[in-house]
Amino acid sequence: MEQYDIIVLGTGLKECILSGLLSQSGKKVLHIDRNPYYGGESASLSPLEELHRKFKVPGPDQSMGRGKEWNIDLIPKFFLANGDLVKLLVHTEVTRYLDFKVVEGSYVYKAGKVHKVPGTEEEAMRASDLMGMFDKRRFRKLLLFALNFDMRNPRSHQDVDPNKMTTRDLFCRFDLGLDVMEFTGHAIALHNSESYLDQPCGETLRRIRRYSESLSHHNPSPYIYPVYGLGELPQGFSRLSAEYGGAFLLSTAVDEIVMGDGKVKAVKCEGKLFRCKQLICDPSYVPHRVRKVGRVIRVICLLNHPVKNTHEVNSCQIIMPQTQLNRKSDIYISVVSYAHNVASAGMYIATVSTAVETRNPETEVQPALELLEPIMQKFVSVSNLLVPNDDGKQSQIFVSRSYDALNHFETEYEDIRDMYRRITGAELCLGGSQRHNSHTSDED
């Protein structure tokens, strides 16, 4: 019986990040996955034939080009250039294993058409099709206020109490119209429901500033995406874990999670027992410890053209605010292409995602699919959104949440940070580099 501090089940992105961080902090970690590949629910599939095999459909057609030129992310999500997950990549130096390219556009849907999201003063004054002249000036004032706002400096608050004034009252203070409030809240602050309007405005101001600062890093959009897709990301953190002594077992079935006195004691795999003090896993390994809180529909669309009204860009994000479609949640479209080395020359991958609200999920995303026409082929999946039943502190079994419908990583980072806090009892701090001079480091 081998003894470990922590055993991690599943090689999804969250599990791999936690495995890398905990190995780096000195924990003895064993990482197990039933699959022969990394990524779990959020895996990248290559060649293209693997996507057809997973969805049990014939193909691909010869017009798709060579299958090995495709890397299709099942759950694509963009990085905000100044977001917390990018800071974590820099902090752990996992950026050594990845190359990023900027996403070429950020758009919002309004009245049946997509419009570029203004994130700077200059863009605010140029965005003629999204705002009238007076709205442009008001929005510009809000943007300047958010960029100069500092929670620690009351002089920057201008009588706005970030802990008491609601976001609705903040928008009214700047006399913003409903349309400006909508794209500011959903396409810049990246809120996914209207509840933020009646919450303290400090969080929304922080999000607006984060978007603008990300945009200043990488014009023409605040988003970046890895070359060859997200598949390199869990592998990068797995390399980090291995560098600090982490062990891995792929293609290994889990027979049993052994408990004693209400706490995890070991994991039994193919007749062998591995003892541990703590266990981290995705919901698929402990179905009795999670509950369903919703469903998510994702439609992967293969295209041979850029999306209409996006200025022929090779990659972009499009957010369709809920109020535009009489929904309770936004619809998201992420577009990547051959420019990120994830498709054959001249080909595009557009993924539509949203929270399911009716018994006919495909009908719900039809407005998004119409923006993408003509579609060469589409692959539809509906999955349950699962969350853990408890915080895991009693059993020492810590379960990650399922991936939500949003097409950026900010909420997933919150789950990682929350799990890290519960596992270690400490906050996840992104200060200086944590690497030591191991035998596989770049310095040797």
Protein backbone atom coordinates (compact mmCIF):
# COMPACT_ATOMS: atom_id res chain seq x y z
CA MET A 1 0.00 0.00 0.00
CA GLU A 2 1.56 3.25 -1.18
CA GLN A 3 0.97 6.40 0.91
CA TYR A 4 0.20 9.81 -0.61
CA ASP A 5 -0.87 13.14 0.82
CA ILE A 6 -3.38 13.72 -1.95
CA ILE A 7 -4.87 11.59 -4.73
CA VAL A 8 -6.46 13.36 -7.70
CA LEU A 9 -9.03 11.56 -9.87
CA GLY A 10 -9.50 12.91 -13.39
CA THR A 11 -7.24 15.07 -15.54
CA GLY A 12 -9.65 17.91 -16.23
CA LEU A 13 -8.15 21.39 -16.16
CA LYS A 14 -9.20 22.15 -12.56
CA GLU A 15 -7.85 18.85 -11.27
CA CYS A 16 -4.53 19.32 -13.10
CA ILE A 17 -4.13 22.89 -11.83
CA LEU A 18 -4.72 21.79 -8.23
CA SER A 19 -2.39 18.81 -8.69
CA GLY A 20 0.38 21.10 -9.95
CA LEU A 21 -0.11 23.69 -7.19
CA LEU A 22 -0.19 21.12 -4.39
CA SER A 23 2.84 19.22 -5.72
CA GLN A 24 4.64 22.54 -5.94
CA SER A 25 3.80 23.26 -2.28
CA GLY A 26 5.48 20.02 -1.20
CA LYS A 27 2.58 17.56 -1.13
CA LYS A 28 3.06 13.98 -2.37
CA VAL A 29 0.44 13.66 -5.13
CA LEU A 30 -0.85 10.73 -7.19
CA HIS A 31 -2.96 11.58 -10.24
CA ILE A 32 -5.26 8.89 -11.70
CA ASP A 33 -7.50 8.97 -14.79
CA ARG A 34 -9.66 6.23 -16.28
CA ASN A 35 -9.02 7.68 -19.76
CA PRO A 36 -5.84 7.28 -21.83
CA TYR A 37 -5.80 11.05 -22.52
CA TYR A 38 -5.73 14.30 -20.53
CA GLY A 39 -8.62 16.71 -20.20
CA GLY A 40 -11.61 14.68 -19.00
CA GLU A 41 -14.88 16.46 -19.76
CA SER A 42 -12.94 19.40 -21.23
CA ALA A 43 -10.63 17.37 -23.48
CA SER A 44 -9.38 18.39 -26.93
CA LEU A 45 -10.06 15.90 -29.70
CA SER A 46 -7.66 15.27 -32.57
CA PRO A 47 -7.76 14.19 -35.33
CA LEU A 48 -11.18 15.31 -36.57
CA GLU A 49 -12.27 11.67 -36.84
CA GLU A 50 -12.24 11.50 -33.02
CA LEU A 51 -14.97 14.15 -32.84
CA HIS A 52 -17.17 12.16 -35.22
CA ARG A 53 -16.47 8.99 -33.27
CA LYS A 54 -17.44 10.62 -29.96
CA PHE A 55 -20.75 11.91 -31.34
CA LYS A 56 -21.34 8.66 -33.27
CA VAL A 57 -21.84 10.35 -36.65
CA PRO A 58 -20.31 9.42 -40.03
CA GLY A 59 -17.53 11.45 -41.56
CA PRO A 60 -15.67 13.66 -41.82
CA ASP A 61 -16.19 14.86 -45.37
CA GLN A 62 -13.12 15.38 -47.59
CA SER A 63 -13.94 19.10 -47.80
CA MET A 64 -12.87 19.39 -44.14
CA GLY A 65 -9.22 18.95 -45.09
CA ARG A 66 -6.78 16.70 -43.27
CA GLY A 67 -8.14 15.36 -40.00
CA LYS A 68 -4.83 15.67 -38.14
CA GLU A 69 -4.88 19.45 -38.63
CA TRP A 70 -7.89 19.76 -36.30
CA ASN A 71 -7.83 20.14 -32.50
CA ILE A 72 -11.41 20.53 -31.26
CA ASP A 73 -11.97 21.65 -27.67
CA LEU A 74 -15.15 20.12 -26.26
CA ILE A 75 -15.54 23.04 -23.82
CA PRO A 76 -13.72 26.04 -25.32
CA LYS A 77 -13.17 28.99 -23.01
CA PHE A 78 -11.16 32.16 -23.58
CA PHE A 79 -8.67 33.77 -21.19
CA LEU A 80 -8.90 37.42 -20.19
CA ALA A 81 -5.38 38.71 -20.74
CA ASN A 82 -5.35 40.33 -17.29
CA GLY A 83 -7.56 37.68 -15.67
CA ASP A 84 -6.74 35.55 -12.66
CA LEU A 85 -6.08 32.33 -14.59
CA VAL A 86 -3.44 34.03 -16.75
CA LYS A 87 -1.85 35.38 -13.56
CA LEU A 88 -1.81 31.79 -12.25
CA LEU A 89 -0.12 30.57 -15.46
CA VAL A 90 2.56 33.23 -15.08
CA HIS A 91 2.93 32.56 -11.33
CA THR A 92 3.55 28.82 -11.90
CA GLU A 93 5.52 29.41 -15.13
CA VAL A 94 3.31 26.96 -16.98
CA THR A 95 3.51 29.56 -19.75
CA ARG A 96 6.74 27.73 -20.66
CA TYR A 97 4.60 24.98 -22.18
CA LEU A 98 2.08 27.17 -24.04
CA ASP A 99 1.91 29.70 -26.84
CA PHE A 100 -1.01 32.13 -26.93
CA LYS A 101 -2.53 34.23 -29.69
CA VAL A 102 -4.93 37.10 -29.23
CA VAL A 103 -8.60 36.55 -30.07
CA GLU A 104 -9.31 39.08 -32.80
CA GLY A 105 -12.66 40.48 -31.73
CA SER A 106 -15.21 40.89 -28.94
CA TYR A 107 -18.81 41.41 -30.03
CA VAL A 108 -22.28 41.79 -28.54
CA TYR A 109 -25.64 40.95 -30.12
CA LYS A 110 -28.26 43.68 -30.41
CA ALA A 111 -31.44 43.82 -32.50
CA GLY A 112 -30.50 40.90 -34.74
CA LYS A 113 -26.95 42.03 -35.50
CA VAL A 114 -23.51 41.77 -33.86
CA HIS A 115 -21.60 44.91 -32.82
CA LYS A 116 -18.05 45.41 -31.61
CA VAL A 117 -17.80 45.88 -27.85
CA PRO A 118 -16.13 49.22 -26.96
CA GLY A 119 -13.62 48.75 -24.16
CA THR A 120 -11.55 51.92 -24.38
CA GLU A 121 -12.28 55.66 -24.51
CA GLU A 122 -11.38 55.76 -28.21
CA GLU A 123 -13.63 52.80 -29.06
CA ALA A 124 -16.44 54.31 -26.99
CA MET A 125 -16.43 57.39 -29.20
CA ARG A 126 -16.16 55.34 -32.41
CA ALA A 127 -18.90 52.76 -31.65
CA SER A 128 -21.50 54.62 -33.66
CA ASP A 129 -23.76 51.65 -34.36
CA LEU A 130 -24.10 50.67 -30.67
CA MET A 131 -24.65 54.04 -28.99
CA GLY A 132 -25.89 57.53 -29.75
CA MET A 133 -23.62 60.54 -29.22
CA PHE A 134 -24.90 61.36 -25.71
CA ASP A 135 -24.66 57.71 -24.64
CA LYS A 136 -21.06 57.59 -25.88
CA ARG A 137 -20.08 60.47 -23.61
CA ARG A 138 -21.85 58.97 -20.60
CA PHE A 139 -20.31 55.55 -21.20
CA ARG A 140 -16.87 57.13 -21.59
CA LYS A 141 -17.29 58.85 -18.20
CA LEU A 142 -18.22 55.52 -16.57
CA LEU A 143 -15.21 53.84 -18.19
CA LEU A 144 -12.83 56.53 -16.92
CA PHE A 145 -14.37 56.31 -13.44
CA ALA A 146 -13.93 52.50 -13.36
CA LEU A 147 -10.31 52.70 -14.59
CA ASN A 148 -9.41 55.24 -11.89
CA PHE A 149 -11.44 53.57 -9.14
CA ASP A 150 -9.35 52.09 -6.32
CA MET A 151 -11.08 50.29 -3.44
CA ARG A 152 -8.21 51.31 -1.13
CA ASN A 153 -8.26 54.99 -2.09
CA PRO A 154 -11.47 56.79 -0.99
CA ARG A 155 -10.47 59.86 -3.02
CA SER A 156 -11.15 57.88 -6.21
CA HIS A 157 -14.69 56.96 -5.08
CA GLN A 158 -16.35 60.34 -5.78
CA ASP A 159 -19.05 59.67 -3.15
CA VAL A 160 -19.71 56.17 -4.55
CA ASP A 161 -19.71 53.58 -1.75
CA PRO A 162 -18.73 50.33 -3.55
CA ASN A 163 -20.13 48.23 -0.71
CA LYS A 164 -23.52 49.96 -0.48
CA MET A 165 -24.44 51.60 -3.80
CA THR A 166 -26.03 49.08 -6.18
CA THR A 167 -24.85 48.72 -9.76
CA ARG A 168 -28.27 49.92 -10.93
CA ASP A 169 -27.83 53.13 -8.94
CA LEU A 170 -24.29 53.52 -10.27
CA PHE A 171 -25.54 53.28 -13.87
CA CYS A 172 -28.30 55.76 -13.07
CA ARG A 173 -25.71 58.13 -11.59
CA PHE A 174 -24.01 58.18 -15.03
CA ASP A 175 -27.42 58.38 -16.74
CA LEU A 176 -26.77 55.31 -18.90
CA GLY A 177 -29.50 54.11 -21.26
CA LEU A 178 -30.83 50.55 -21.06
CA ASP A 179 -28.84 49.41 -24.11
CA VAL A 180 -25.58 50.74 -22.65
CA MET A 181 -26.33 49.12 -19.30
CA GLU A 182 -26.94 45.83 -21.09
CA PHE A 183 -23.68 45.56 -23.02
CA THR A 184 -21.68 47.02 -20.12
CA GLY A 185 -23.04 44.46 -17.66
CA HIS A 186 -22.95 41.41 -19.95
CA ALA A 187 -20.22 41.98 -22.56
CA ILE A 188 -17.71 43.97 -20.47
CA ALA A 189 -18.34 43.09 -16.80
CA LEU A 190 -19.29 39.57 -18.02
CA HIS A 191 -22.22 39.06 -15.66
CA ASN A 192 -24.44 36.19 -16.82
CA SER A 193 -27.72 37.30 -15.21
CA GLU A 194 -29.48 40.52 -14.23
CA SER A 195 -29.05 39.95 -10.49
CA TYR A 196 -25.83 42.01 -10.47
CA LEU A 197 -27.87 45.21 -10.92
CA ASP A 198 -29.15 45.02 -7.36
CA GLN A 199 -25.83 44.02 -5.79
CA PRO A 200 -23.05 46.37 -4.55
CA CYS A 201 -21.29 48.00 -7.49
CA GLY A 202 -17.71 47.33 -6.33
CA GLU A 203 -17.54 43.96 -8.11
CA THR A 204 -18.88 45.38 -11.39
CA LEU A 205 -16.36 48.24 -11.29
CA ARG A 206 -13.57 45.68 -10.73
CA ARG A 207 -14.77 43.66 -13.72
CA ILE A 208 -15.00 46.68 -16.04
CA ARG A 209 -11.46 47.65 -15.08
CA ARG A 210 -10.22 44.08 -15.62
CA TYR A 211 -11.76 44.01 -19.12
CA SER A 212 -10.24 47.37 -20.07
CA GLU A 213 -6.81 46.44 -18.70
CA SER A 214 -6.95 43.12 -20.59
CA LEU A 215 -7.82 45.04 -23.75
CA SER A 216 -4.83 47.35 -23.25
CA HIS A 217 -2.60 44.23 -23.14
CA HIS A 218 -3.89 42.78 -26.41
CA ASN A 219 -5.88 44.96 -28.78
CA PRO A 220 -8.25 44.32 -30.63
CA SER A 221 -9.86 42.16 -27.91
CA PRO A 222 -9.14 41.39 -24.25
CA TYR A 223 -9.10 37.63 -24.87
CA ILE A 224 -6.29 35.21 -25.67
CA TYR A 225 -6.38 31.51 -26.58
CA PRO A 226 -3.66 28.84 -26.78
CA VAL A 227 -2.21 27.85 -30.14
CA TYR A 228 -3.38 24.25 -30.76
CA GLY A 229 -6.26 24.72 -28.30
CA LEU A 230 -6.82 24.05 -24.62
CA GLY A 231 -5.46 20.48 -24.68
CA GLU A 232 -1.97 21.68 -23.79
CA LEU A 233 -3.19 23.34 -20.59
CA PRO A 234 -3.91 20.30 -18.36
CA GLN A 235 -0.75 18.70 -19.71
CA GLY A 236 1.25 21.81 -18.76
CA PHE A 237 0.08 21.62 -15.15
CA SER A 238 0.66 17.85 -15.17
CA ARG A 239 4.28 18.52 -16.16
CA LEU A 240 4.50 21.00 -13.29
CA SER A 241 3.20 18.33 -10.89
CA ALA A 242 5.64 15.74 -12.25
CA GLU A 243 8.52 18.20 -11.90
CA TYR A 244 7.77 18.39 -8.18
CA GLY A 245 7.42 14.62 -7.74
CA GLY A 246 3.80 14.02 -8.74
CA ALA A 247 3.00 10.52 -10.08
CA PHE A 248 0.48 9.70 -12.83
CA LEU A 249 -1.61 6.67 -13.78
CA LEU A 250 -3.62 7.02 -17.01
CA SER A 251 -5.96 4.34 -18.42
CA THR A 252 -6.54 3.17 -14.84
CA ALA A 253 -10.04 2.30 -13.60
CA VAL A 254 -11.02 3.29 -10.07
CA ASP A 255 -12.67 0.34 -8.30
CA GLU A 256 -13.45 1.92 -4.95
CA ILE A 257 -12.91 4.95 -2.74
CA VAL A 258 -12.16 3.46 0.68
CA MET A 259 -13.62 5.32 3.69
CA GLY A 260 -13.02 5.04 7.46
CA ASP A 261 -14.70 7.03 10.23
CA GLY A 262 -16.38 9.20 7.59
CA LYS A 263 -13.06 10.22 5.99
CA VAL A 264 -11.29 9.07 2.83
CA LYS A 265 -8.54 6.55 3.55
CA ALA A 266 -7.52 5.10 0.18
CA VAL A 267 -8.35 4.56 -3.48
CA LYS A 268 -8.49 1.05 -4.89
CA CYS A 269 -7.47 0.71 -8.55
CA GLU A 270 -7.37 -2.62 -10.38
CA GLY A 271 -6.84 -4.49 -7.11
CA LYS A 272 -4.11 -2.18 -5.79
CA LEU A 273 -4.61 0.12 -2.79
CA PHE A 274 -3.25 3.67 -2.67
CA ARG A 275 -3.60 5.37 0.72
CA CYS A 276 -4.23 9.12 1.00
CA LYS A 277 -5.21 11.88 3.42
CA GLN A 278 -7.23 13.91 0.91
CA LEU A 279 -8.97 13.25 -2.40
CA ILE A 280 -9.72 15.65 -5.27
CA CYS A 281 -11.95 14.60 -8.16
CA ASP A 282 -14.42 15.67 -10.80
CA PRO A 283 -18.15 14.83 -10.35
CA SER A 284 -18.01 11.70 -12.55
CA TYR A 285 -15.99 9.79 -9.93
CA VAL A 286 -18.42 10.42 -7.04
CA PRO A 287 -21.96 10.70 -8.51
CA HIS A 288 -23.52 10.23 -5.03
CA ARG A 289 -21.68 13.29 -3.68
CA VAL A 290 -23.01 15.81 -6.24
CA ARG A 291 -26.37 17.28 -7.19
CA LYS A 292 -27.77 18.64 -10.44
CA VAL A 293 -28.42 22.39 -10.52
CA GLY A 294 -29.10 22.80 -14.24
CA ARG A 295 -28.14 21.76 -17.75
CA VAL A 296 -25.83 23.21 -20.39
CA ILE A 297 -26.17 22.88 -24.16
CA ARG A 298 -23.11 23.17 -26.40
CA VAL A 299 -23.17 23.08 -30.19
CA ILE A 300 -19.82 22.70 -31.98
CA CYS A 301 -20.19 24.08 -35.51
CA LEU A 302 -17.65 23.55 -38.31
CA LEU A 303 -17.58 26.44 -40.78
CA ASN A 304 -15.67 27.36 -43.94
CA HIS A 305 -16.17 31.12 -43.51
CA PRO A 306 -15.83 33.85 -40.86
CA VAL A 307 -18.96 34.93 -38.98
CA LYS A 308 -20.99 37.66 -40.67
CA ASN A 309 -20.58 41.26 -39.43
CA THR A 310 -17.37 40.48 -37.52
CA HIS A 311 -15.08 42.26 -39.99
CA GLU A 312 -13.79 38.91 -41.34
CA VAL A 313 -11.86 38.13 -38.13
CA ASN A 314 -10.37 34.66 -37.68
CA SER A 315 -11.43 34.41 -34.02
CA CYS A 316 -13.90 36.20 -31.77
CA GLN A 317 -16.33 36.06 -28.88
CA ILE A 318 -19.99 36.97 -29.32
CA ILE A 319 -22.29 37.46 -26.33
CA MET A 320 -26.05 37.48 -26.84
CA PRO A 321 -27.54 39.16 -23.73
CA GLN A 322 -30.58 37.44 -22.27
CA THR A 323 -32.89 40.44 -22.63
CA GLN A 324 -32.32 40.50 -26.40
CA LEU A 325 -33.83 37.00 -26.61
CA ASN A 326 -36.33 37.08 -23.72
CA ARG A 327 -34.24 34.60 -21.74
CA LYS A 328 -32.93 34.29 -18.19
CA SER A 329 -29.32 33.61 -19.26
CA ASP A 330 -26.97 34.79 -21.99
CA ILE A 331 -25.95 32.78 -25.05
CA TYR A 332 -22.23 32.62 -25.85
CA ILE A 333 -20.44 32.01 -29.14
CA SER A 334 -16.69 31.38 -29.29
CA VAL A 335 -14.99 31.29 -32.69
CA VAL A 336 -11.48 30.01 -33.38
CA SER A 337 -9.90 28.86 -36.62
CA TYR A 338 -6.84 27.78 -38.56
CA ALA A 339 -5.18 30.96 -37.21
CA HIS A 340 -4.89 29.20 -33.81
CA ASN A 341 -3.82 25.94 -35.50
CA VAL A 342 -7.03 24.18 -34.45
CA ALA A 343 -8.51 23.64 -37.94
CA SER A 344 -7.53 23.07 -41.56
CA ALA A 345 -6.65 26.10 -43.68
CA GLY A 346 -9.66 28.36 -44.20
CA MET A 347 -11.80 26.49 -41.65
CA TYR A 348 -13.44 27.74 -38.43
CA ILE A 349 -14.82 26.19 -35.24
CA ALA A 350 -17.72 28.07 -33.63
CA THR A 351 -19.13 26.77 -30.34
CA VAL A 352 -22.49 27.95 -29.02
CA SER A 353 -23.26 27.46 -25.32
CA THR A 354 -25.92 28.46 -22.83
CA ALA A 355 -27.82 27.29 -19.78
CA VAL A 356 -30.84 25.18 -20.76
CA GLU A 357 -34.17 26.80 -19.84
CA THR A 358 -36.76 24.69 -21.70
CA ARG A 359 -37.41 21.13 -22.86
CA ASN A 360 -36.10 22.03 -26.33
CA PRO A 361 -32.49 23.15 -25.87
CA GLU A 362 -31.67 23.25 -29.60
CA THR A 363 -34.53 25.65 -30.22
CA GLU A 364 -33.09 27.95 -27.55
CA VAL A 365 -29.79 28.37 -29.40
CA GLN A 366 -31.36 28.77 -32.86
CA PRO A 367 -30.78 32.57 -32.95
CA ALA A 368 -27.06 31.91 -32.39
CA LEU A 369 -26.92 29.20 -35.05
CA GLU A 370 -28.55 31.57 -37.55
CA LEU A 371 -25.66 33.99 -37.05
CA LEU A 372 -23.25 31.21 -38.10
CA GLU A 373 -24.99 30.04 -41.27
CA PRO A 374 -24.09 28.26 -43.47
CA ILE A 375 -22.86 25.51 -41.10
CA MET A 376 -21.01 22.57 -42.66
CA GLN A 377 -21.60 20.24 -39.72
CA LYS A 378 -22.72 20.58 -36.11
CA PHE A 379 -22.35 18.42 -33.01
CA VAL A 380 -24.86 18.91 -30.20
CA SER A 381 -24.37 17.92 -26.56
CA VAL A 382 -26.49 18.57 -23.46
CA SER A 383 -24.82 17.93 -20.10
CA ASN A 384 -25.85 18.25 -16.48
CA LEU A 385 -24.41 21.07 -14.40
CA LEU A 386 -23.28 19.35 -11.19
CA VAL A 387 -22.07 20.83 -7.90
CA PRO A 388 -20.81 19.07 -4.75
CA ASN A 389 -23.27 18.36 -1.92
CA ASP A 390 -20.92 19.74 0.73
CA ASP A 391 -17.57 21.51 1.19
CA GLY A 392 -15.66 18.23 1.62
CA LYS A 393 -14.04 19.21 4.93
CA GLN A 394 -15.56 16.32 6.89
CA SER A 395 -14.86 13.54 4.36
CA GLN A 396 -11.72 15.24 2.93
CA ILE A 397 -13.15 14.53 -0.54
CA PHE A 398 -13.12 17.74 -2.58
CA VAL A 399 -15.23 17.71 -5.75
CA SER A 400 -15.01 20.29 -8.54
CA ARG A 401 -18.06 21.83 -10.18
CA SER A 402 -19.05 20.96 -13.74
CA TYR A 403 -18.03 23.48 -16.41
CA ASP A 404 -20.63 26.20 -16.89
CA ALA A 405 -21.93 27.66 -20.15
CA LEU A 406 -19.74 30.77 -20.04
CA ASN A 407 -17.01 30.89 -22.68
CA HIS A 408 -14.35 32.48 -20.48
CA PHE A 409 -12.46 31.05 -17.50
CA GLU A 410 -13.18 33.56 -14.72
CA THR A 411 -15.88 31.52 -12.91
CA GLU A 412 -13.80 28.33 -13.25
CA TYR A 413 -10.88 30.09 -11.56
CA GLU A 414 -13.22 30.98 -8.67
CA ASP A 415 -13.95 27.26 -8.22
CA ILE A 416 -10.21 26.46 -8.25
CA ARG A 417 -9.50 29.17 -5.67
CA ASP A 418 -12.37 28.02 -3.45
CA MET A 419 -11.24 24.37 -3.60
CA TYR A 420 -7.64 25.35 -2.82
CA ARG A 421 -8.83 27.28 0.24
CA ARG A 422 -10.88 24.31 1.51
CA ILE A 423 -8.11 21.78 0.84
CA THR A 424 -5.22 23.74 2.36
CA GLY A 425 -6.92 26.18 4.73
CA ALA A 426 -4.94 28.97 3.03
CA GLU A 427 -5.66 31.51 0.29
CA LEU A 428 -4.23 30.95 -3.19
CA CYS A 429 -1.68 33.77 -3.48
CA LEU A 430 -0.29 34.74 -6.87
CA GLY A 431 2.89 36.50 -5.80
CA GLY A 432 6.32 35.68 -7.17
CA SER A 433 7.33 32.50 -8.96
CA GLN A 434 7.16 29.32 -6.89
CA ARG A 435 9.60 27.24 -8.94
CA HIS A 436 12.74 25.80 -7.45
CA ASN A 437 15.82 24.57 -9.30
CA SER A 438 14.64 21.03 -9.87
CA HIS A 439 16.55 18.56 -12.00
CA THR A 440 14.28 19.28 -14.97
CA SER A 441 14.25 23.06 -14.72
CA ASP A 442 15.28 25.35 -17.54
CA GLU A 443 18.40 26.45 -15.66
CA ASP A 444 20.05 23.00 -15.88
